[in-house]
């Protein structure tokens, strides 16, 4: 009988160790995947949540138009953050261009912040300048940091000085409000 209890105890202990090992592996994998999604180690947000206030900012578009926070105080406007060298950003480019082109007449002109290497930004600017105000820079624009954007691509809709919706692609915006972007 003692041998049976001893065997059961050893097996229980081995199962507990195995469960602990699996839990640690899952936690490690979660942290790694979270880091890939958010663009960094930690558990901070990659996206601004609905209701996040738009911080003050100053930007100049490729056409020389000055933009600031007041440009996001009015009706809802699409703002996109893209980065060169980002495969999802590159893949989103044609669909984003078409969605911005198809916005309802009278919608405020979208704003697209493109960061990264200058030689690679040219393709983004050429594709998006006809349908949006494009701001380009070597590093992500201060507006991205002010909104907590830590991964790319990020699209958001801002109006009345606050973020209304945000997502990592057009599908996220469609799910939250099908009328937000045509599709």
Protein backbone atom coordinates (compact mmCIF):
# COMPACT_ATOMS: atom_id res chain seq x y z
CA UNK A 1 0.00 0.00 0.00
CA UNK A 2 2.81 2.41 0.86
CA UNK A 3 4.47 1.63 -2.46
CA UNK A 4 1.22 2.50 -4.27
CA UNK A 5 0.90 5.82 -2.39
CA UNK A 6 4.56 6.54 -3.10
CA UNK A 7 4.05 5.89 -6.83
CA UNK A 8 0.93 8.06 -6.93
CA UNK A 9 2.80 10.88 -5.14
CA UNK A 10 5.74 10.69 -7.54
CA UNK A 11 3.42 10.66 -10.57
CA UNK A 12 1.42 13.60 -9.18
CA UNK A 13 4.61 15.55 -8.62
CA UNK A 14 5.82 14.75 -12.15
CA UNK A 15 2.47 15.89 -13.61
CA UNK A 16 2.63 19.12 -11.62
CA UNK A 17 6.17 19.79 -12.91
CA UNK A 18 5.07 19.08 -16.47
CA UNK A 19 2.09 21.45 -16.11
CA UNK A 20 4.38 24.14 -14.71
CA UNK A 21 6.78 23.65 -17.63
CA UNK A 22 3.96 23.93 -20.18
CA UNK A 23 2.65 27.07 -18.43
CA UNK A 24 6.08 28.69 -18.57
CA UNK A 25 6.43 27.83 -22.26
CA UNK A 26 3.00 29.31 -23.02
CA UNK A 27 3.83 32.49 -21.09
CA UNK A 28 7.15 32.82 -22.93
CA UNK A 29 5.45 32.33 -26.30
CA UNK A 30 2.76 34.87 -25.38
CA UNK A 31 5.39 37.48 -24.46
CA UNK A 32 7.23 36.86 -27.75
CA UNK A 33 4.05 37.17 -29.83
CA UNK A 34 2.93 40.23 -27.89
CA UNK A 35 6.31 41.83 -28.52
CA UNK A 36 5.94 41.20 -32.25
CA UNK A 37 2.46 42.75 -32.29
CA UNK A 38 3.30 45.80 -30.16
CA UNK A 39 6.72 46.42 -31.64
CA UNK A 40 8.56 46.16 -28.36
CA UNK A 41 9.14 44.16 -25.22
CA UNK A 42 6.61 45.15 -22.50
CA UNK A 43 2.91 45.03 -22.40
CA UNK A 44 2.03 48.57 -23.51
CA UNK A 45 -0.68 49.22 -26.08
CA UNK A 46 0.13 49.26 -29.79
CA UNK A 47 -3.07 51.13 -30.59
CA UNK A 48 -4.78 54.15 -29.13
CA UNK A 49 -8.14 53.19 -27.69
CA UNK A 50 -11.43 54.86 -28.48
CA UNK A 51 -11.70 58.07 -26.52
CA UNK A 52 -7.94 58.71 -26.43
CA UNK A 53 -7.35 62.43 -26.78
CA UNK A 54 -5.28 63.56 -29.75
CA UNK A 55 -2.15 65.28 -28.40
CA UNK A 56 -0.83 68.53 -29.84
CA UNK A 57 1.26 67.98 -32.95
CA UNK A 58 2.73 69.90 -35.84
CA UNK A 59 3.44 68.45 -39.28
CA UNK A 60 4.06 69.56 -42.84
CA UNK A 61 2.81 67.46 -45.75
CA UNK A 62 4.74 66.68 -48.89
CA UNK A 63 2.68 69.44 -50.56
CA UNK A 64 3.72 71.97 -47.89
CA UNK A 65 0.39 72.01 -46.04
CA UNK A 66 0.76 72.57 -42.28
CA UNK A 67 -1.26 70.26 -40.07
CA UNK A 68 -1.84 70.39 -36.33
CA UNK A 69 -4.22 69.15 -33.68
CA UNK A 70 -6.95 71.54 -34.84
CA UNK A 71 -7.16 69.48 -38.05
CA UNK A 72 -8.49 66.60 -35.94
CA UNK A 73 -10.93 68.72 -33.92
CA UNK A 74 -13.65 68.65 -36.58
CA UNK A 75 -15.50 65.84 -38.35
CA UNK A 76 -14.10 62.32 -38.37
CA UNK A 77 -10.91 61.97 -40.40
CA UNK A 78 -8.84 58.89 -41.24
CA UNK A 79 -5.24 58.95 -40.01
CA UNK A 80 -2.82 56.19 -41.01
CA UNK A 81 0.65 55.38 -39.70
CA UNK A 82 2.89 53.39 -42.06
CA UNK A 83 6.56 52.49 -41.97
CA UNK A 84 8.91 51.45 -44.75
CA UNK A 85 10.39 48.00 -44.29
CA UNK A 86 7.11 46.88 -42.75
CA UNK A 87 5.71 44.06 -44.87
CA UNK A 88 2.12 44.44 -43.63
CA UNK A 89 2.33 48.19 -44.47
CA UNK A 90 3.54 47.43 -47.98
CA UNK A 91 0.83 44.80 -48.46
CA UNK A 92 -1.85 47.22 -47.22
CA UNK A 93 -0.80 50.07 -49.54
CA UNK A 94 -2.98 49.27 -52.61
CA UNK A 95 -6.07 48.53 -50.52
CA UNK A 96 -5.52 51.63 -48.38
CA UNK A 97 -5.10 53.84 -51.44
CA UNK A 98 -8.38 52.56 -52.88
CA UNK A 99 -10.25 52.92 -49.58
CA UNK A 100 -9.05 56.50 -49.19
CA UNK A 101 -9.95 57.26 -52.79
CA UNK A 102 -13.46 55.88 -52.20
CA UNK A 103 -14.23 57.95 -49.09
CA UNK A 104 -17.51 59.83 -49.43
CA UNK A 105 -17.37 63.23 -51.11
CA UNK A 106 -16.95 65.99 -48.56
CA UNK A 107 -14.98 63.81 -46.12
CA UNK A 108 -11.96 65.55 -44.63
CA UNK A 109 -8.79 64.63 -46.54
CA UNK A 110 -7.10 61.67 -44.79
CA UNK A 111 -3.68 62.07 -43.20
CA UNK A 112 -0.98 59.42 -43.73
CA UNK A 113 2.23 59.49 -41.68
CA UNK A 114 4.98 57.54 -43.48
CA UNK A 115 8.26 56.91 -41.67
CA UNK A 116 11.43 55.07 -42.59
CA UNK A 117 14.22 55.27 -45.12
CA UNK A 118 13.82 58.18 -47.57
CA UNK A 119 14.46 56.10 -50.69
CA UNK A 120 11.68 53.68 -49.69
CA UNK A 121 9.18 56.39 -48.70
CA UNK A 122 8.99 57.67 -52.27
CA UNK A 123 6.75 54.77 -53.35
CA UNK A 124 4.36 55.37 -50.47
CA UNK A 125 4.23 59.09 -51.18
CA UNK A 126 3.60 58.54 -54.90
CA UNK A 127 0.77 56.10 -54.17
CA UNK A 128 -0.94 58.09 -51.41
CA UNK A 129 -0.37 61.79 -52.19
CA UNK A 130 -3.24 61.88 -54.72
CA UNK A 131 -5.73 60.69 -52.07
CA UNK A 132 -4.32 61.96 -48.74
CA UNK A 133 -2.16 64.50 -46.97
CA UNK A 134 1.16 62.64 -46.64
CA UNK A 135 3.68 63.48 -43.93
CA UNK A 136 7.03 61.75 -44.21
CA UNK A 137 9.94 61.45 -41.80
CA UNK A 138 12.88 59.21 -41.00
CA UNK A 139 11.44 58.25 -37.60
CA UNK A 140 7.77 57.73 -36.69
CA UNK A 141 6.12 61.13 -36.29
CA UNK A 142 5.69 62.49 -32.77
CA UNK A 143 1.93 62.07 -33.21
CA UNK A 144 2.45 58.29 -33.35
CA UNK A 145 4.30 58.35 -30.05
CA UNK A 146 1.78 60.70 -28.50
CA UNK A 147 -1.02 58.29 -29.37
CA UNK A 148 0.87 55.21 -28.18
CA UNK A 149 1.30 53.74 -31.66
CA UNK A 150 4.11 51.21 -31.32
CA UNK A 151 3.45 48.89 -34.25
CA UNK A 152 2.64 49.42 -37.91
CA UNK A 153 0.40 49.71 -39.85
CA UNK A 154 -2.14 51.55 -37.70
CA UNK A 155 -5.25 53.21 -39.03
CA UNK A 156 -7.53 55.30 -36.90
CA UNK A 157 -10.48 57.57 -37.24
CA UNK A 158 -10.31 60.74 -35.16
CA UNK A 159 -12.92 63.42 -34.71
CA UNK A 160 -13.69 66.17 -32.23
CA UNK A 161 -10.13 65.80 -30.89
CA UNK A 162 -10.39 62.14 -29.87
CA UNK A 163 -9.74 58.74 -31.40
CA UNK A 164 -13.05 57.15 -32.40
CA UNK A 165 -11.75 53.83 -33.75
CA UNK A 166 -8.36 52.24 -34.42
CA UNK A 167 -6.97 49.05 -35.86
CA UNK A 168 -3.99 47.50 -37.57
CA UNK A 169 -5.65 47.43 -40.96
CA UNK A 170 -8.76 48.31 -42.89
CA UNK A 171 -10.59 45.18 -41.73
CA UNK A 172 -10.38 46.34 -38.11
CA UNK A 173 -11.98 49.66 -39.04
CA UNK A 174 -14.70 47.91 -41.06
CA UNK A 175 -15.56 45.62 -38.13
CA UNK A 176 -16.00 48.47 -35.71
CA UNK A 177 -18.03 50.65 -38.05
CA UNK A 178 -18.84 49.33 -41.52
CA UNK A 179 -19.66 52.83 -42.72
CA UNK A 180 -16.28 54.24 -41.66
CA UNK A 181 -14.46 53.21 -44.79
CA UNK A 182 -15.92 51.96 -48.01
CA UNK A 183 -15.17 48.43 -48.94
